[in-house]
C-alpha atoms as a PDB file:
ATOM      1  CA  UNK A   1       3.742 -11.595   5.985  1.00  0.00           C
ATOM      2  CA  UNK A   2       4.325 -12.291   2.403  1.00  0.00           C
ATOM      3  CA  UNK A   3       2.335 -14.298   0.027  1.00  0.00           C
ATOM      4  CA  UNK A   4       3.637 -15.102  -3.335  1.00  0.00           C
ATOM      5  CA  UNK A   5       1.457 -16.907  -5.767  1.00  0.00           C
ATOM      6  CA  UNK A   6       2.758 -18.458  -8.978  1.00  0.00           C
ATOM      7  CA  UNK A   7       1.147 -19.637 -12.326  1.00  0.00           C
ATOM      8  CA  UNK A   8       3.126 -22.683 -13.548  1.00  0.00           C
ATOM      9  CA  UNK A   9       2.958 -24.319 -17.008  1.00  0.00           C
ATOM     10  CA  UNK A  10       4.832 -27.261 -18.682  1.00  0.00           C
ATOM     11  CA  UNK A  11       5.966 -27.040 -22.414  1.00  0.00           C
ATOM     12  CA  UNK A  12       8.486 -29.113 -24.242  1.00  0.00           C
ATOM     13  CA  UNK A  13       9.571 -30.720 -21.080  1.00  0.00           C
ATOM     14  CA  UNK A  14      10.267 -27.611 -19.165  1.00  0.00           C
ATOM     15  CA  UNK A  15       8.268 -26.011 -16.256  1.00  0.00           C
ATOM     16  CA  UNK A  16       7.901 -22.126 -16.153  1.00  0.00           C
ATOM     17  CA  UNK A  17       6.415 -19.925 -13.633  1.00  0.00           C
ATOM     18  CA  UNK A  18       5.224 -16.311 -13.424  1.00  0.00           C
ATOM     19  CA  UNK A  19       4.256 -14.725 -10.262  1.00  0.00           C
ATOM     20  CA  UNK A  20       0.741 -13.598 -10.246  1.00  0.00           C
ATOM     21  CA  UNK A  21       0.666  -9.749  -9.970  1.00  0.00           C
ATOM     22  CA  UNK A  22       4.422  -9.489  -9.444  1.00  0.00           C
ATOM     23  CA  UNK A  23       7.757  -9.770 -11.085  1.00  0.00           C
ATOM     24  CA  UNK A  24       9.238 -13.137 -10.179  1.00  0.00           C
ATOM     25  CA  UNK A  25       9.616 -15.501 -13.123  1.00  0.00           C
ATOM     26  CA  UNK A  26      11.479 -18.846 -13.118  1.00  0.00           C
ATOM     27  CA  UNK A  27      12.043 -22.018 -15.154  1.00  0.00           C
ATOM     28  CA  UNK A  28      13.292 -25.527 -14.365  1.00  0.00           C
ATOM     29  CA  UNK A  29      13.287 -29.016 -15.770  1.00  0.00           C
ATOM     30  CA  UNK A  30      10.908 -30.533 -12.862  1.00  0.00           C
ATOM     31  CA  UNK A  31       8.412 -29.229 -10.589  1.00  0.00           C
ATOM     32  CA  UNK A  32      10.659 -30.057  -7.673  1.00  0.00           C
ATOM     33  CA  UNK A  33      13.359 -27.961  -8.995  1.00  0.00           C
ATOM     34  CA  UNK A  34      10.911 -25.119  -9.824  1.00  0.00           C
ATOM     35  CA  UNK A  35       9.597 -25.046  -6.301  1.00  0.00           C
ATOM     36  CA  UNK A  36      13.067 -24.974  -4.920  1.00  0.00           C
ATOM     37  CA  UNK A  37      13.878 -21.793  -7.093  1.00  0.00           C
ATOM     38  CA  UNK A  38      10.731 -20.008  -6.445  1.00  0.00           C
ATOM     39  CA  UNK A  39      11.070 -20.413  -2.711  1.00  0.00           C
ATOM     40  CA  UNK A  40      14.542 -19.048  -2.980  1.00  0.00           C
ATOM     41  CA  UNK A  41      13.245 -16.061  -4.931  1.00  0.00           C
ATOM     42  CA  UNK A  42      10.435 -15.306  -2.584  1.00  0.00           C
ATOM     43  CA  UNK A  43      12.773 -15.537   0.460  1.00  0.00           C
ATOM     44  CA  UNK A  44      15.217 -13.128  -1.360  1.00  0.00           C
ATOM     45  CA  UNK A  45      12.245 -10.555  -1.434  1.00  0.00           C
ATOM     46  CA  UNK A  46      10.820 -11.319   2.135  1.00  0.00           C
ATOM     47  CA  UNK A  47      12.730 -13.109   4.773  1.00  0.00           C
ATOM     48  CA  UNK A  48      10.592 -11.955   7.803  1.00  0.00           C
ATOM     49  CA  UNK A  49       9.684 -15.506   9.044  1.00  0.00           C
ATOM     50  CA  UNK A  50       8.919 -19.087   8.510  1.00  0.00           C
ATOM     51  CA  UNK A  51       8.306 -20.358   4.971  1.00  0.00           C
ATOM     52  CA  UNK A  52       5.484 -22.631   3.948  1.00  0.00           C
ATOM     53  CA  UNK A  53       4.595 -23.589   0.403  1.00  0.00           C
ATOM     54  CA  UNK A  54       1.726 -25.510  -1.437  1.00  0.00           C
ATOM     55  CA  UNK A  55       2.049 -26.893  -4.937  1.00  0.00           C
ATOM     56  CA  UNK A  56      -1.211 -27.797  -6.705  1.00  0.00           C
ATOM     57  CA  UNK A  57      -1.623 -29.372 -10.223  1.00  0.00           C
ATOM     58  CA  UNK A  58      -4.471 -27.942 -12.089  1.00  0.00           C
ATOM     59  CA  UNK A  59      -4.097 -30.042 -15.273  1.00  0.00           C
ATOM     60  CA  UNK A  60      -1.043 -32.149 -15.982  1.00  0.00           C
ATOM     61  CA  UNK A  61       0.587 -29.216 -17.666  1.00  0.00           C
ATOM     62  CA  UNK A  62      -0.386 -26.445 -15.355  1.00  0.00           C
ATOM     63  CA  UNK A  63      -0.100 -25.922 -11.500  1.00  0.00           C
ATOM     64  CA  UNK A  64      -0.493 -23.065  -8.947  1.00  0.00           C
ATOM     65  CA  UNK A  65       2.398 -22.745  -6.408  1.00  0.00           C
ATOM     66  CA  UNK A  66       2.143 -20.442  -3.121  1.00  0.00           C
ATOM     67  CA  UNK A  67       4.845 -19.341  -0.984  1.00  0.00           C
ATOM     68  CA  UNK A  68       3.739 -17.825   2.367  1.00  0.00           C
ATOM     69  CA  UNK A  69       6.554 -16.309   4.637  1.00  0.00           C
ATOM     70  CA  UNK A  70       6.047 -15.147   8.131  1.00  0.00           C
ATOM     71  CA  UNK A  71       2.433 -16.389   8.483  1.00  0.00           C
ATOM     72  CA  UNK A  72       2.755 -17.552  12.083  1.00  0.00           C
ATOM     73  CA  UNK A  73      -0.432 -19.568  11.767  1.00  0.00           C
ATOM     74  CA  UNK A  74       1.177 -22.818  11.094  1.00  0.00           C
ATOM     75  CA  UNK A  75       0.294 -25.402   8.689  1.00  0.00           C
ATOM     76  CA  UNK A  76       2.405 -27.434   6.090  1.00  0.00           C
ATOM     77  CA  UNK A  77       5.573 -28.721   7.991  1.00  0.00           C
ATOM     78  CA  UNK A  78       5.737 -26.140  10.742  1.00  0.00           C
ATOM     79  CA  UNK A  79       2.820 -26.915  12.799  1.00  0.00           C
ATOM     80  CA  UNK A  80       0.732 -24.673  14.854  1.00  0.00           C
ATOM     81  CA  UNK A  81       2.534 -24.612  18.340  1.00  0.00           C
ATOM     82  CA  UNK A  82       6.103 -24.201  16.736  1.00  0.00           C
ATOM     83  CA  UNK A  83       5.122 -21.485  14.717  1.00  0.00           C
ATOM     84  CA  UNK A  84       2.994 -19.652  17.468  1.00  0.00           C
ATOM     85  CA  UNK A  85       5.454 -19.849  20.104  1.00  0.00           C
ATOM     86  CA  UNK A  86       8.069 -17.369  18.989  1.00  0.00           C
ATOM     87  CA  UNK A  87       5.163 -14.912  18.002  1.00  0.00           C
ATOM     88  CA  UNK A  88       2.774 -15.423  20.949  1.00  0.00           C
ATOM     89  CA  UNK A  89       5.233 -16.235  23.766  1.00  0.00           C
ATOM     90  CA  UNK A  90       3.152 -16.637  27.071  1.00  0.00           C
ATOM     91  CA  UNK A  91      -0.198 -16.520  25.361  1.00  0.00           C
ATOM     92  CA  UNK A  92       0.530 -19.735  23.322  1.00  0.00           C
ATOM     93  CA  UNK A  93       1.912 -21.376  26.512  1.00  0.00           C
ATOM     94  CA  UNK A  94      -1.420 -20.572  28.197  1.00  0.00           C
ATOM     95  CA  UNK A  95      -3.562 -21.836  25.427  1.00  0.00           C
ATOM     96  CA  UNK A  96      -1.795 -25.264  25.281  1.00  0.00           C
ATOM     97  CA  UNK A  97      -3.350 -26.553  28.638  1.00  0.00           C
ATOM     98  CA  UNK A  98      -6.732 -25.354  27.639  1.00  0.00           C
ATOM     99  CA  UNK A  99      -6.482 -27.327  24.212  1.00  0.00           C
ATOM    100  CA  UNK A 100      -5.355 -30.583  26.157  1.00  0.00           C
ATOM    101  CA  UNK A 101      -8.201 -30.302  28.607  1.00  0.00           C
ATOM    102  CA  UNK A 102     -10.684 -29.796  25.866  1.00  0.00           C
ATOM    103  CA  UNK A 103      -9.237 -32.960  24.081  1.00  0.00           C
ATOM    104  CA  UNK A 104      -9.683 -34.863  27.417  1.00  0.00           C
ATOM    105  CA  UNK A 105     -13.344 -33.664  27.646  1.00  0.00           C
ATOM    106  CA  UNK A 106     -14.084 -34.797  24.085  1.00  0.00           C
ATOM    107  CA  UNK A 107     -12.593 -38.418  24.708  1.00  0.00           C
ATOM    108  CA  UNK A 108     -14.749 -38.519  27.869  1.00  0.00           C
ATOM    109  CA  UNK A 109     -17.933 -37.800  25.887  1.00  0.00           C
ATOM    110  CA  UNK A 110     -17.125 -40.270  23.119  1.00  0.00           C
ATOM    111  CA  UNK A 111     -16.382 -43.093  25.797  1.00  0.00           C
ATOM    112  CA  UNK A 112     -19.911 -42.409  27.333  1.00  0.00           C
ATOM    113  CA  UNK A 113     -21.667 -42.425  24.006  1.00  0.00           C
ATOM    114  CA  UNK A 114     -19.881 -45.740  22.765  1.00  0.00           C
ATOM    115  CA  UNK A 115     -21.181 -48.080  25.538  1.00  0.00           C
ATOM    116  CA  UNK A 116     -24.949 -48.326  25.165  1.00  0.00           C
ATOM    117  CA  UNK A 117     -25.455 -51.436  26.926  1.00  0.00           C
ATOM    118  CA  UNK A 118     -26.261 -53.548  23.867  1.00  0.00           C
ATOM    119  CA  UNK A 119     -24.310 -54.876  20.897  1.00  0.00           C
ATOM    120  CA  UNK A 120     -25.460 -54.298  17.379  1.00  0.00           C
ATOM    121  CA  UNK A 121     -24.703 -57.946  16.668  1.00  0.00           C
ATOM    122  CA  UNK A 122     -26.489 -59.639  19.567  1.00  0.00           C
END
């Protein structure tokens, strides 16, 4: 699993990024273009699995961008089941029915608590 963290800054209409504790640097006219370039650069260094990313503005002119490659934990656009299935195989398939059963139990408990025999507005 590779984690790439970048510190991004905007100056004179251009965004620049430098990897925190690394060698990757990049610049672009927009944050969207900058993110695309940084993901491509990270994948060039480590292509061991799925890619998730997160861009967070700190101030209007600075941000933090993180690229995670091969996490297997899901998140972002990948989703837990899709990311865990290739890595976990049968174990992930066994966990799915247990999770569905737990959801059913939670719904039953909620429905029991909701009907207390009186109405708040009566």
